Amino acid sequence: MRDNFRRVVKNRAIAYRKQGSEWRQFMPFEDVCGNGGLLTTVGDLLKWNQNLAGGKLHPAIFKLMAEPSTLNNGTRLAYGLGLFVEQYAGCRK
């Protein structure tokens, strides 16, 4: 997880600019956990996608991820636990 959004990370593809004698990240981020705070690699994302598409997740977990959430006031969201759940061209995506 990102704990210092301004830290320069070798080989990270992101905008930087030089301030004085230092290179600093030049993006409007903040230190967050969750959405936007996770740093990963293309290889790790590929493994995640292969496990998701290949059925390696426990069926109960996948069901929770693919089930649209409901707020306390009853409003239904097009978001499960980590996945957006929508229709496109007649297909659930």
N, C-alpha and C. Protein backbone atom coordinates (compact mmCIF):
# COMPACT_ATOMS: atom_id res chain seq x y z
N MET A 1 0.84 -1.17 0.00
CA MET A 1 0.00 0.00 0.00
C MET A 1 0.89 1.23 0.00
N ARG A 2 0.41 2.25 -0.63
CA ARG A 2 1.16 3.50 -0.68
C ARG A 2 1.05 4.19 0.67
N ASP A 3 2.19 4.48 1.29
CA ASP A 3 2.19 5.19 2.56
C ASP A 3 2.86 6.57 2.45
N ASN A 4 3.42 6.84 1.29
CA ASN A 4 4.02 8.15 1.03
C ASN A 4 3.91 8.39 -0.47
N PHE A 5 2.87 9.11 -0.88
CA PHE A 5 2.61 9.26 -2.31
C PHE A 5 3.68 10.05 -3.04
N ARG A 6 4.53 10.73 -2.34
CA ARG A 6 5.59 11.51 -2.99
C ARG A 6 6.92 10.76 -3.11
N ARG A 7 6.99 9.56 -2.53
CA ARG A 7 8.25 8.80 -2.61
C ARG A 7 8.52 8.40 -4.06
N VAL A 8 9.73 8.59 -4.49
CA VAL A 8 10.14 8.18 -5.83
C VAL A 8 10.41 6.68 -5.79
N VAL A 9 9.74 5.93 -6.66
CA VAL A 9 9.89 4.49 -6.73
C VAL A 9 10.53 4.15 -8.07
N LYS A 10 11.68 3.50 -8.02
CA LYS A 10 12.41 3.14 -9.23
C LYS A 10 11.51 2.38 -10.20
N ASN A 11 11.52 2.78 -11.45
CA ASN A 11 10.78 2.15 -12.57
C ASN A 11 9.27 2.34 -12.50
N ARG A 12 8.76 3.18 -11.59
CA ARG A 12 7.32 3.45 -11.56
C ARG A 12 6.99 4.42 -12.69
N ALA A 13 5.97 4.09 -13.46
CA ALA A 13 5.53 4.97 -14.56
C ALA A 13 4.52 5.97 -13.99
N ILE A 14 4.98 7.17 -13.75
CA ILE A 14 4.13 8.21 -13.21
C ILE A 14 4.82 9.55 -13.46
N ALA A 15 4.10 10.63 -13.33
CA ALA A 15 4.69 11.95 -13.60
C ALA A 15 5.57 12.40 -12.44
N TYR A 16 6.75 12.89 -12.77
CA TYR A 16 7.67 13.46 -11.79
C TYR A 16 8.11 14.83 -12.29
N ARG A 17 8.58 15.66 -11.35
CA ARG A 17 9.22 16.91 -11.74
C ARG A 17 10.33 17.19 -10.73
N LYS A 18 11.30 17.93 -11.19
CA LYS A 18 12.44 18.25 -10.35
C LYS A 18 12.13 19.50 -9.54
N GLN A 19 12.32 19.42 -8.23
CA GLN A 19 12.17 20.57 -7.34
C GLN A 19 13.51 20.76 -6.65
N GLY A 20 14.23 21.81 -7.06
CA GLY A 20 15.58 22.00 -6.54
C GLY A 20 16.46 20.87 -7.03
N SER A 21 17.06 20.14 -6.10
CA SER A 21 17.94 19.03 -6.49
C SER A 21 17.24 17.68 -6.39
N GLU A 22 15.94 17.67 -6.04
CA GLU A 22 15.21 16.41 -5.85
C GLU A 22 14.15 16.21 -6.92
N TRP A 23 13.93 14.94 -7.26
CA TRP A 23 12.80 14.57 -8.10
C TRP A 23 11.63 14.25 -7.19
N ARG A 24 10.45 14.78 -7.49
CA ARG A 24 9.26 14.54 -6.68
C ARG A 24 8.12 14.13 -7.60
N GLN A 25 7.26 13.28 -7.08
CA GLN A 25 6.09 12.87 -7.84
C GLN A 25 5.20 14.09 -8.08
N PHE A 26 4.70 14.20 -9.29
CA PHE A 26 3.89 15.35 -9.67
C PHE A 26 2.50 14.87 -10.06
N MET A 27 1.77 14.36 -9.09
CA MET A 27 0.42 13.86 -9.32
C MET A 27 -0.44 14.28 -8.14
N PRO A 28 -1.72 14.55 -8.36
CA PRO A 28 -2.59 14.97 -7.27
C PRO A 28 -3.14 13.78 -6.48
N PHE A 29 -2.24 13.01 -5.85
CA PHE A 29 -2.66 11.86 -5.07
C PHE A 29 -2.55 12.19 -3.59
N GLU A 30 -3.00 11.29 -2.79
CA GLU A 30 -2.85 11.39 -1.35
C GLU A 30 -2.52 10.01 -0.83
N ASP A 31 -2.12 9.94 0.41
CA ASP A 31 -1.84 8.63 1.01
C ASP A 31 -3.17 7.97 1.35
N VAL A 32 -3.49 6.90 0.66
CA VAL A 32 -4.77 6.23 0.87
C VAL A 32 -4.57 4.72 0.91
N CYS A 33 -5.48 4.06 1.55
CA CYS A 33 -5.57 2.60 1.49
C CYS A 33 -6.84 2.29 0.72
N GLY A 34 -6.79 1.28 -0.11
CA GLY A 34 -7.96 0.96 -0.92
C GLY A 34 -7.83 1.56 -2.30
N ASN A 35 -8.92 2.06 -2.82
CA ASN A 35 -8.96 2.60 -4.17
C ASN A 35 -7.86 3.62 -4.40
N GLY A 36 -6.94 3.31 -5.30
CA GLY A 36 -5.88 4.23 -5.63
C GLY A 36 -4.64 4.09 -4.77
N GLY A 37 -4.71 3.35 -3.68
CA GLY A 37 -3.57 3.24 -2.79
C GLY A 37 -2.74 1.99 -3.01
N LEU A 38 -3.24 1.05 -3.75
CA LEU A 38 -2.53 -0.20 -3.97
C LEU A 38 -1.58 -0.06 -5.14
N LEU A 39 -0.34 -0.39 -4.90
CA LEU A 39 0.66 -0.37 -5.97
C LEU A 39 0.95 -1.81 -6.34
N THR A 40 0.97 -2.07 -7.64
CA THR A 40 1.16 -3.45 -8.09
C THR A 40 1.96 -3.43 -9.39
N THR A 41 2.11 -4.58 -9.98
CA THR A 41 2.83 -4.70 -11.25
C THR A 41 1.89 -5.29 -12.30
N VAL A 42 2.28 -5.17 -13.54
CA VAL A 42 1.50 -5.77 -14.62
C VAL A 42 1.44 -7.28 -14.43
N GLY A 43 2.55 -7.88 -14.03
CA GLY A 43 2.59 -9.33 -13.80
C GLY A 43 1.62 -9.77 -12.71
N ASP A 44 1.56 -9.01 -11.62
CA ASP A 44 0.63 -9.35 -10.54
C ASP A 44 -0.82 -9.18 -10.98
N LEU A 45 -1.09 -8.12 -11.76
CA LEU A 45 -2.46 -7.94 -12.27
C LEU A 45 -2.84 -9.07 -13.21
N LEU A 46 -1.89 -9.54 -14.01
CA LEU A 46 -2.16 -10.66 -14.90
C LEU A 46 -2.51 -11.91 -14.09
N LYS A 47 -1.77 -12.17 -13.00
CA LYS A 47 -2.08 -13.31 -12.14
C LYS A 47 -3.48 -13.17 -11.55
N TRP A 48 -3.81 -11.96 -11.09
CA TRP A 48 -5.14 -11.71 -10.51
C TRP A 48 -6.22 -12.01 -11.55
N ASN A 49 -6.06 -11.47 -12.76
CA ASN A 49 -7.05 -11.68 -13.81
C ASN A 49 -7.17 -13.15 -14.18
N GLN A 50 -6.05 -13.86 -14.26
CA GLN A 50 -6.09 -15.29 -14.57
C GLN A 50 -6.83 -16.07 -13.49
N ASN A 51 -6.58 -15.73 -12.23
CA ASN A 51 -7.28 -16.41 -11.14
C ASN A 51 -8.77 -16.08 -11.14
N LEU A 52 -9.10 -14.84 -11.43
CA LEU A 52 -10.50 -14.43 -11.48
C LEU A 52 -11.23 -15.12 -12.64
N ALA A 53 -10.62 -15.09 -13.82
CA ALA A 53 -11.25 -15.68 -15.01
C ALA A 53 -11.21 -17.21 -14.98
N GLY A 54 -10.22 -17.78 -14.31
CA GLY A 54 -10.04 -19.22 -14.30
C GLY A 54 -10.78 -19.94 -13.19
N GLY A 55 -11.55 -19.21 -12.40
CA GLY A 55 -12.34 -19.85 -11.36
C GLY A 55 -11.54 -20.30 -10.16
N LYS A 56 -10.36 -19.72 -9.94
CA LYS A 56 -9.55 -20.13 -8.80
C LYS A 56 -10.01 -19.51 -7.48
N LEU A 57 -10.84 -18.47 -7.57
CA LEU A 57 -11.41 -17.91 -6.35
C LEU A 57 -12.51 -18.83 -5.84
N HIS A 58 -12.67 -18.91 -4.54
CA HIS A 58 -13.76 -19.69 -3.97
C HIS A 58 -15.08 -19.15 -4.53
N PRO A 59 -16.00 -20.01 -4.94
CA PRO A 59 -17.26 -19.55 -5.53
C PRO A 59 -18.02 -18.54 -4.66
N ALA A 60 -17.96 -18.70 -3.35
CA ALA A 60 -18.68 -17.77 -2.46
C ALA A 60 -18.07 -16.37 -2.54
N ILE A 61 -16.76 -16.28 -2.68
CA ILE A 61 -16.11 -14.98 -2.80
C ILE A 61 -16.47 -14.33 -4.12
N PHE A 62 -16.39 -15.12 -5.20
CA PHE A 62 -16.73 -14.57 -6.51
C PHE A 62 -18.19 -14.09 -6.54
N LYS A 63 -19.08 -14.83 -5.89
CA LYS A 63 -20.49 -14.44 -5.85
C LYS A 63 -20.65 -13.09 -5.17
N LEU A 64 -19.95 -12.89 -4.06
CA LEU A 64 -20.02 -11.60 -3.36
C LEU A 64 -19.45 -10.47 -4.22
N MET A 65 -18.40 -10.75 -4.95
CA MET A 65 -17.79 -9.73 -5.80
C MET A 65 -18.72 -9.34 -6.94
N ALA A 66 -19.49 -10.29 -7.44
CA ALA A 66 -20.33 -10.05 -8.62
C ALA A 66 -21.76 -9.64 -8.26
N GLU A 67 -22.08 -9.57 -6.98
CA GLU A 67 -23.43 -9.19 -6.55
C GLU A 67 -23.47 -7.69 -6.26
N PRO A 68 -24.34 -6.94 -6.95
CA PRO A 68 -24.43 -5.50 -6.69
C PRO A 68 -24.74 -5.23 -5.22
N SER A 69 -24.10 -4.21 -4.68
CA SER A 69 -24.30 -3.83 -3.28
C SER A 69 -25.57 -3.02 -3.10
N THR A 70 -26.05 -2.98 -1.88
CA THR A 70 -27.22 -2.18 -1.52
C THR A 70 -26.85 -1.30 -0.34
N LEU A 71 -27.12 -0.01 -0.46
CA LEU A 71 -26.87 0.92 0.64
C LEU A 71 -27.92 0.73 1.73
N ASN A 72 -27.67 1.30 2.91
CA ASN A 72 -28.60 1.18 4.04
C ASN A 72 -29.98 1.74 3.71
N ASN A 73 -30.04 2.73 2.80
CA ASN A 73 -31.34 3.31 2.45
C ASN A 73 -32.04 2.54 1.33
N GLY A 74 -31.48 1.41 0.92
CA GLY A 74 -32.10 0.58 -0.10
C GLY A 74 -31.63 0.85 -1.53
N THR A 75 -30.84 1.89 -1.73
CA THR A 75 -30.33 2.20 -3.07
C THR A 75 -29.39 1.10 -3.53
N ARG A 76 -29.65 0.57 -4.74
CA ARG A 76 -28.80 -0.47 -5.32
C ARG A 76 -27.66 0.19 -6.10
N LEU A 77 -26.49 -0.38 -5.96
CA LEU A 77 -25.32 0.12 -6.67
C LEU A 77 -24.92 -0.86 -7.77
N ALA A 78 -24.22 -0.36 -8.77
CA ALA A 78 -23.69 -1.24 -9.82
C ALA A 78 -22.27 -1.66 -9.45
N TYR A 79 -22.06 -1.92 -8.17
CA TYR A 79 -20.73 -2.29 -7.67
C TYR A 79 -20.87 -3.36 -6.62
N GLY A 80 -20.11 -4.42 -6.77
CA GLY A 80 -20.09 -5.49 -5.78
C GLY A 80 -18.90 -5.29 -4.85
N LEU A 81 -18.28 -6.36 -4.43
CA LEU A 81 -17.08 -6.25 -3.60
C LEU A 81 -15.85 -6.30 -4.49
N GLY A 82 -15.57 -5.20 -5.16
CA GLY A 82 -14.38 -5.12 -6.00
C GLY A 82 -14.66 -5.12 -7.49
N LEU A 83 -15.89 -5.34 -7.90
CA LEU A 83 -16.21 -5.37 -9.33
C LEU A 83 -17.43 -4.51 -9.61
N PHE A 84 -17.41 -3.82 -10.74
CA PHE A 84 -18.62 -3.16 -11.22
C PHE A 84 -19.46 -4.22 -11.91
N VAL A 85 -20.76 -4.19 -11.69
CA VAL A 85 -21.67 -5.19 -12.25
C VAL A 85 -22.68 -4.42 -13.10
N GLU A 86 -22.52 -4.51 -14.42
CA GLU A 86 -23.36 -3.74 -15.33
C GLU A 86 -23.78 -4.58 -16.51
N GLN A 87 -24.69 -4.04 -17.29
CA GLN A 87 -25.13 -4.66 -18.53
C GLN A 87 -24.53 -3.88 -19.71
N TYR A 88 -24.09 -4.61 -20.74
CA TYR A 88 -23.61 -3.98 -21.97
C TYR A 88 -24.03 -4.87 -23.12
N ALA A 89 -24.74 -4.29 -24.06
CA ALA A 89 -25.19 -5.01 -25.24
C ALA A 89 -25.92 -6.30 -24.86
N GLY A 90 -26.72 -6.22 -23.79
CA GLY A 90 -27.50 -7.37 -23.37
C GLY A 90 -26.74 -8.40 -22.54
N CYS A 91 -25.48 -8.14 -22.28
CA CYS A 91 -24.66 -9.09 -21.50
C CYS A 91 -24.24 -8.46 -20.17
N ARG A 92 -24.22 -9.28 -19.17
CA ARG A 92 -23.72 -8.81 -17.88
C ARG A 92 -22.20 -8.76 -17.94
N LYS A 93 -21.66 -7.63 -17.53
CA LYS A 93 -20.19 -7.51 -17.55
C LYS A 93 -19.68 -7.13 -16.21
